[in-house]
Structures are given as C-alpha cells and as structure tokens.
Amino acid sequence: MRAERYRLPWDRGTQWDVVAPDGRWLGSIALPEGFRPFEIGSDYVLGSRVDELGVERLVLFGLIKK
C-alpha cells in the first residue's frame, strides 16, 4: 500500500509512504512532480506521467536505497 503525504501548494514533487500488507511502515519515497505511481516494488517504481504534448506515458524508475 502507498499513501501520499500532505504537501503545500508550492511544494514540488511528492513524498509517499510505503506500507506492507500487515501495516508495517517500509519507508518513504520522493517522486517527481506530475508522476503518478501505480506500483512500488523493492527496487522499482512504475507509474505514469503526462509529457509536454499531453500524452500519458508509462515510466519505470529504479530505486536507490539509502
């Protein structure tokens, strides 16, 4: 499960918390502005973004764990 954190109107990008099915908090992830996540895996994030022509595109990001 994922939940977007509250952000102020002038904040850029989004912060998401990732929670396991049993309710354990697994961590948080920062995502670029305009990116909508569909699935967050152990080493990737799959989602969509609308490009400059208004076309929705699938995007796959690799995760860097700290």
PDB file of N, CA and C in Angstrom:
ATOM      1  N   MET A   1       0.837  -1.163   0.000  1.00  0.00           N
ATOM      2  CA  MET A   1       0.000   0.000   0.000  1.00  0.00           C
ATOM      3  C   MET A   1       0.888   1.234   0.000  1.00  0.00           C
ATOM      4  N   ARG A   2       0.382   2.294  -0.568  1.00  0.00           N
ATOM      5  CA  ARG A   2       1.129   3.536  -0.587  1.00  0.00           C
ATOM      6  C   ARG A   2       0.190   4.681  -0.222  1.00  0.00           C
ATOM      7  N   ALA A   3       0.739   5.723   0.384  1.00  0.00           N
ATOM      8  CA  ALA A   3      -0.066   6.883   0.774  1.00  0.00           C
ATOM      9  C   ALA A   3       0.754   8.146   0.529  1.00  0.00           C
ATOM     10  N   GLU A   4       0.161   9.083  -0.196  1.00  0.00           N
ATOM     11  CA  GLU A   4       0.853  10.338  -0.474  1.00  0.00           C
ATOM     12  C   GLU A   4       0.775  11.234   0.754  1.00  0.00           C
ATOM     13  N   ARG A   5       1.906  11.813   1.122  1.00  0.00           N
ATOM     14  CA  ARG A   5       1.933  12.751   2.243  1.00  0.00           C
ATOM     15  C   ARG A   5       1.343  14.085   1.814  1.00  0.00           C
ATOM     16  N   TYR A   6       0.776  14.793   2.791  1.00  0.00           N
ATOM     17  CA  TYR A   6       0.233  16.122   2.520  1.00  0.00           C
ATOM     18  C   TYR A   6       1.364  17.039   2.073  1.00  0.00           C
ATOM     19  N   ARG A   7       1.068  17.900   1.126  1.00  0.00           N
ATOM     20  CA  ARG A   7       2.061  18.879   0.682  1.00  0.00           C
ATOM     21  C   ARG A   7       1.393  20.223   0.487  1.00  0.00           C
ATOM     22  N   LEU A   8       2.172  21.247   0.681  1.00  0.00           N
ATOM     23  CA  LEU A   8       1.694  22.610   0.485  1.00  0.00           C
ATOM     24  C   LEU A   8       1.632  22.912  -1.003  1.00  0.00           C
ATOM     25  N   PRO A   9       0.777  23.854  -1.417  1.00  0.00           N
ATOM     26  CA  PRO A   9       0.603  24.134  -2.848  1.00  0.00           C
ATOM     27  C   PRO A   9       1.897  24.502  -3.579  1.00  0.00           C
ATOM     28  N   TRP A  10       2.863  25.067  -2.903  1.00  0.00           N
ATOM     29  CA  TRP A  10       4.105  25.486  -3.569  1.00  0.00           C
ATOM     30  C   TRP A  10       5.199  24.412  -3.532  1.00  0.00           C
ATOM     31  N   ASP A  11       4.944  23.286  -2.886  1.00  0.00           N
ATOM     32  CA  ASP A  11       5.928  22.194  -2.866  1.00  0.00           C
ATOM     33  C   ASP A  11       6.026  21.555  -4.242  1.00  0.00           C
ATOM     34  N   ARG A  12       7.245  21.172  -4.621  1.00  0.00           N
ATOM     35  CA  ARG A  12       7.460  20.481  -5.880  1.00  0.00           C
ATOM     36  C   ARG A  12       7.705  19.007  -5.580  1.00  0.00           C
ATOM     37  N   GLY A  13       7.215  18.154  -6.450  1.00  0.00           N
ATOM     38  CA  GLY A  13       7.371  16.712  -6.232  1.00  0.00           C
ATOM     39  C   GLY A  13       6.417  16.221  -5.158  1.00  0.00           C
ATOM     40  N   THR A  14       6.479  14.931  -4.892  1.00  0.00           N
ATOM     41  CA  THR A  14       5.609  14.328  -3.887  1.00  0.00           C
ATOM     42  C   THR A  14       6.412  13.379  -3.015  1.00  0.00           C
ATOM     43  N   GLN A  15       5.927  13.140  -1.827  1.00  0.00           N
ATOM     44  CA  GLN A  15       6.534  12.203  -0.891  1.00  0.00           C
ATOM     45  C   GLN A  15       5.482  11.140  -0.590  1.00  0.00           C
ATOM     46  N   TRP A  16       5.858   9.878  -0.707  1.00  0.00           N
ATOM     47  CA  TRP A  16       4.933   8.767  -0.484  1.00  0.00           C
ATOM     48  C   TRP A  16       5.475   7.858   0.615  1.00  0.00           C
ATOM     49  N   ASP A  17       4.598   7.358   1.461  1.00  0.00           N
ATOM     50  CA  ASP A  17       4.950   6.338   2.445  1.00  0.00           C
ATOM     51  C   ASP A  17       4.517   4.989   1.898  1.00  0.00           C
ATOM     52  N   VAL A  18       5.365   3.979   2.074  1.00  0.00           N
ATOM     53  CA  VAL A  18       5.080   2.623   1.603  1.00  0.00           C
ATOM     54  C   VAL A  18       4.845   1.742   2.833  1.00  0.00           C
ATOM     55  N   VAL A  19       3.700   1.031   2.831  1.00  0.00           N
ATOM     56  CA  VAL A  19       3.295   0.229   3.979  1.00  0.00           C
ATOM     57  C   VAL A  19       3.041  -1.208   3.517  1.00  0.00           C
ATOM     58  N   ALA A  20       3.529  -2.180   4.288  1.00  0.00           N
ATOM     59  CA  ALA A  20       3.324  -3.603   3.983  1.00  0.00           C
ATOM     60  C   ALA A  20       1.867  -3.982   4.253  1.00  0.00           C
ATOM     61  N   PRO A  21       1.405  -5.096   3.679  1.00  0.00           N
ATOM     62  CA  PRO A  21       0.020  -5.540   3.904  1.00  0.00           C
ATOM     63  C   PRO A  21      -0.334  -5.722   5.386  1.00  0.00           C
ATOM     64  N   ASP A  22       0.666  -6.033   6.218  1.00  0.00           N
ATOM     65  CA  ASP A  22       0.380  -6.213   7.655  1.00  0.00           C
ATOM     66  C   ASP A  22       0.448  -4.899   8.436  1.00  0.00           C
ATOM     67  N   GLY A  23       0.646  -3.777   7.746  1.00  0.00           N
ATOM     68  CA  GLY A  23       0.641  -2.468   8.394  1.00  0.00           C
ATOM     69  C   GLY A  23       2.011  -1.920   8.764  1.00  0.00           C
ATOM     70  N   ARG A  24       3.072  -2.708   8.548  1.00  0.00           N
ATOM     71  CA  ARG A  24       4.419  -2.223   8.857  1.00  0.00           C
ATOM     72  C   ARG A  24       4.828  -1.142   7.862  1.00  0.00           C
ATOM     73  N   TRP A  25       5.422  -0.052   8.385  1.00  0.00           N
ATOM     74  CA  TRP A  25       5.939   1.014   7.527  1.00  0.00           C
ATOM     75  C   TRP A  25       7.256   0.533   6.931  1.00  0.00           C
ATOM     76  N   LEU A  26       7.364   0.559   5.595  1.00  0.00           N
ATOM     77  CA  LEU A  26       8.566   0.069   4.916  1.00  0.00           C
ATOM     78  C   LEU A  26       9.520   1.189   4.542  1.00  0.00           C
ATOM     79  N   GLY A  27       9.034   2.403   4.467  1.00  0.00           N
ATOM     80  CA  GLY A  27       9.891   3.532   4.122  1.00  0.00           C
ATOM     81  C   GLY A  27       9.118   4.593   3.366  1.00  0.00           C
ATOM     82  N   SER A  28       9.838   5.612   2.953  1.00  0.00           N
ATOM     83  CA  SER A  28       9.215   6.674   2.160  1.00  0.00           C
ATOM     84  C   SER A  28      10.013   6.871   0.883  1.00  0.00           C
ATOM     85  N   ILE A  29       9.365   7.470  -0.092  1.00  0.00           N
ATOM     86  CA  ILE A  29       9.979   7.661  -1.395  1.00  0.00           C
ATOM     87  C   ILE A  29       9.585   9.034  -1.933  1.00  0.00           C
ATOM     88  N   ALA A  30      10.545   9.744  -2.506  1.00  0.00           N
ATOM     89  CA  ALA A  30      10.279  11.039  -3.136  1.00  0.00           C
ATOM     90  C   ALA A  30      10.132  10.820  -4.639  1.00  0.00           C
ATOM     91  N   LEU A  31       9.074  11.392  -5.211  1.00  0.00           N
ATOM     92  CA  LEU A  31       8.805  11.232  -6.642  1.00  0.00           C
ATOM     93  C   LEU A  31       8.693  12.593  -7.314  1.00  0.00           C
ATOM     94  N   PRO A  32       9.024  12.662  -8.600  1.00  0.00           N
ATOM     95  CA  PRO A  32       8.975  13.934  -9.317  1.00  0.00           C
ATOM     96  C   PRO A  32       7.547  14.468  -9.472  1.00  0.00           C
ATOM     97  N   GLU A  33       7.454  15.750  -9.643  1.00  0.00           N
ATOM     98  CA  GLU A  33       6.175  16.411  -9.857  1.00  0.00           C
ATOM     99  C   GLU A  33       5.507  15.850 -11.122  1.00  0.00           C
ATOM    100  N   GLY A  34       4.222  15.586 -11.055  1.00  0.00           N
ATOM    101  CA  GLY A  34       3.480  15.101 -12.215  1.00  0.00           C
ATOM    102  C   GLY A  34       3.540  13.596 -12.417  1.00  0.00           C
ATOM    103  N   PHE A  35       4.291  12.894 -11.588  1.00  0.00           N
ATOM    104  CA  PHE A  35       4.394  11.439 -11.691  1.00  0.00           C
ATOM    105  C   PHE A  35       3.343  10.797 -10.790  1.00  0.00           C
ATOM    106  N   ARG A  36       2.586   9.838 -11.333  1.00  0.00           N
ATOM    107  CA  ARG A  36       1.547   9.136 -10.574  1.00  0.00           C
ATOM    108  C   ARG A  36       1.940   7.666 -10.482  1.00  0.00           C
ATOM    109  N   PRO A  37       2.287   7.187  -9.280  1.00  0.00           N
ATOM    110  CA  PRO A  37       2.731   5.793  -9.152  1.00  0.00           C
ATOM    111  C   PRO A  37       1.572   4.806  -9.224  1.00  0.00           C
ATOM    112  N   PHE A  38       1.837   3.663  -9.877  1.00  0.00           N
ATOM    113  CA  PHE A  38       0.884   2.557  -9.926  1.00  0.00           C
ATOM    114  C   PHE A  38       1.333   1.439  -8.994  1.00  0.00           C
ATOM    115  N   GLU A  39       2.650   1.188  -8.993  1.00  0.00           N
ATOM    116  CA  GLU A  39       3.200   0.066  -8.234  1.00  0.00           C
ATOM    117  C   GLU A  39       4.576   0.438  -7.730  1.00  0.00           C
ATOM    118  N   ILE A  40       4.842   0.124  -6.459  1.00  0.00           N
ATOM    119  CA  ILE A  40       6.162   0.355  -5.873  1.00  0.00           C
ATOM    120  C   ILE A  40       6.695  -1.000  -5.434  1.00  0.00           C
ATOM    121  N   GLY A  41       7.792  -1.431  -6.060  1.00  0.00           N
ATOM    122  CA  GLY A  41       8.409  -2.708  -5.724  1.00  0.00           C
ATOM    123  C   GLY A  41       9.630  -2.501  -4.852  1.00  0.00           C
ATOM    124  N   SER A  42      10.385  -3.556  -4.626  1.00  0.00           N
ATOM    125  CA  SER A  42      11.564  -3.462  -3.761  1.00  0.00           C
ATOM    126  C   SER A  42      12.696  -2.668  -4.399  1.00  0.00           C
ATOM    127  N   ASP A  43      12.741  -2.604  -5.739  1.00  0.00           N
ATOM    128  CA  ASP A  43      13.818  -1.859  -6.394  1.00  0.00           C
ATOM    129  C   ASP A  43      13.332  -1.042  -7.598  1.00  0.00           C
ATOM    130  N   TYR A  44      12.031  -0.778  -7.685  1.00  0.00           N
ATOM    131  CA  TYR A  44      11.498  -0.003  -8.818  1.00  0.00           C
ATOM    132  C   TYR A  44      10.201   0.705  -8.436  1.00  0.00           C
ATOM    133  N   VAL A  45       9.841   1.698  -9.230  1.00  0.00           N
ATOM    134  CA  VAL A  45       8.539   2.365  -9.142  1.00  0.00           C
ATOM    135  C   VAL A  45       8.002   2.459 -10.567  1.00  0.00           C
ATOM    136  N   LEU A  46       6.796   1.965 -10.782  1.00  0.00           N
ATOM    137  CA  LEU A  46       6.135   2.016 -12.078  1.00  0.00           C
ATOM    138  C   LEU A  46       4.973   2.993 -11.976  1.00  0.00           C
ATOM    139  N   GLY A  47       4.877   3.896 -12.939  1.00  0.00           N
ATOM    140  CA  GLY A  47       3.787   4.864 -12.916  1.00  0.00           C
ATOM    141  C   GLY A  47       3.630   5.538 -14.260  1.00  0.00           C
ATOM    142  N   SER A  48       2.930   6.674 -14.250  1.00  0.00           N
ATOM    143  CA  SER A  48       2.719   7.401 -15.496  1.00  0.00           C
ATOM    144  C   SER A  48       3.000   8.879 -15.293  1.00  0.00           C
ATOM    145  N   ARG A  49       3.235   9.523 -16.410  1.00  0.00           N
ATOM    146  CA  ARG A  49       3.498  10.956 -16.440  1.00  0.00           C
ATOM    147  C   ARG A  49       2.971  11.480 -17.769  1.00  0.00           C
ATOM    148  N   VAL A  50       2.414  12.674 -17.753  1.00  0.00           N
ATOM    149  CA  VAL A  50       1.924  13.303 -18.977  1.00  0.00           C
ATOM    150  C   VAL A  50       3.052  14.163 -19.538  1.00  0.00           C
ATOM    151  N   ASP A  51       3.405  13.940 -20.817  1.00  0.00           N
ATOM    152  CA  ASP A  51       4.512  14.694 -21.412  1.00  0.00           C
ATOM    153  C   ASP A  51       4.050  16.073 -21.884  1.00  0.00           C
ATOM    154  N   GLU A  52       4.957  16.816 -22.497  1.00  0.00           N
ATOM    155  CA  GLU A  52       4.684  18.197 -22.925  1.00  0.00           C
ATOM    156  C   GLU A  52       3.626  18.296 -24.024  1.00  0.00           C
ATOM    157  N   LEU A  53       3.330  17.183 -24.703  1.00  0.00           N
ATOM    158  CA  LEU A  53       2.291  17.159 -25.735  1.00  0.00           C
ATOM    159  C   LEU A  53       0.947  16.668 -25.191  1.00  0.00           C
ATOM    160  N   GLY A  54       0.886  16.381 -23.883  1.00  0.00           N
ATOM    161  CA  GLY A  54      -0.351  15.919 -23.277  1.00  0.00           C
ATOM    162  C   GLY A  54      -0.577  14.426 -23.387  1.00  0.00           C
ATOM    163  N   VAL A  55       0.459  13.681 -23.782  1.00  0.00           N
ATOM    164  CA  VAL A  55       0.356  12.228 -23.940  1.00  0.00           C
ATOM    165  C   VAL A  55       0.809  11.555 -22.649  1.00  0.00           C
ATOM    166  N   GLU A  56      -0.026  10.656 -22.120  1.00  0.00           N
ATOM    167  CA  GLU A  56       0.336   9.917 -20.916  1.00  0.00           C
ATOM    168  C   GLU A  56       1.290   8.785 -21.284  1.00  0.00           C
ATOM    169  N   ARG A  57       2.375   8.690 -20.560  1.00  0.00           N
ATOM    170  CA  ARG A  57       3.402   7.674 -20.841  1.00  0.00           C
ATOM    171  C   ARG A  57       3.718   6.884 -19.568  1.00  0.00           C
ATOM    172  N   LEU A  58       3.982   5.593 -19.746  1.00  0.00           N
ATOM    173  CA  LEU A  58       4.435   4.775 -18.628  1.00  0.00           C
ATOM    174  C   LEU A  58       5.897   5.073 -18.357  1.00  0.00           C
ATOM    175  N   VAL A  59       6.242   5.129 -17.084  1.00  0.00           N
ATOM    176  CA  VAL A  59       7.612   5.424 -16.681  1.00  0.00           C
ATOM    177  C   VAL A  59       8.021   4.401 -15.621  1.00  0.00           C
ATOM    178  N   LEU A  60       9.245   3.893 -15.720  1.00  0.00           N
ATOM    179  CA  LEU A  60       9.786   2.961 -14.748  1.00  0.00           C
ATOM    180  C   LEU A  60      11.048   3.576 -14.167  1.00  0.00           C
ATOM    181  N   PHE A  61      11.061   3.811 -12.853  1.00  0.00           N
ATOM    182  CA  PHE A  61      12.240   4.340 -12.157  1.00  0.00           C
ATOM    183  C   PHE A  61      12.856   3.237 -11.322  1.00  0.00           C
ATOM    184  N   GLY A  62      14.169   3.158 -11.312  1.00  0.00           N
ATOM    185  CA  GLY A  62      14.881   2.283 -10.392  1.00  0.00           C
ATOM    186  C   GLY A  62      15.035   3.011  -9.064  1.00  0.00           C
ATOM    187  N   LEU A  63      15.020   2.282  -7.953  1.00  0.00           N
ATOM    188  CA  LEU A  63      15.160   2.892  -6.634  1.00  0.00           C
ATOM    189  C   LEU A  63      16.594   2.838  -6.165  1.00  0.00           C
ATOM    190  N   ILE A  64      17.027   3.884  -5.509  1.00  0.00           N
ATOM    191  CA  ILE A  64      18.327   3.935  -4.840  1.00  0.00           C
ATOM    192  C   ILE A  64      18.038   3.917  -3.348  1.00  0.00           C
ATOM    193  N   LYS A  65      18.419   2.853  -2.682  1.00  0.00           N
ATOM    194  CA  LYS A  65      18.135   2.718  -1.254  1.00  0.00           C
ATOM    195  C   LYS A  65      19.256   3.364  -0.452  1.00  0.00           C
ATOM    196  N   LYS A  66      18.867   4.092   0.589  1.00  0.00           N
ATOM    197  CA  LYS A  66      19.860   4.754   1.473  1.00  0.00           C
ATOM    198  C   LYS A  66      19.930   4.070   2.792  1.00  0.00           C
TER     199      LYS A  66
END
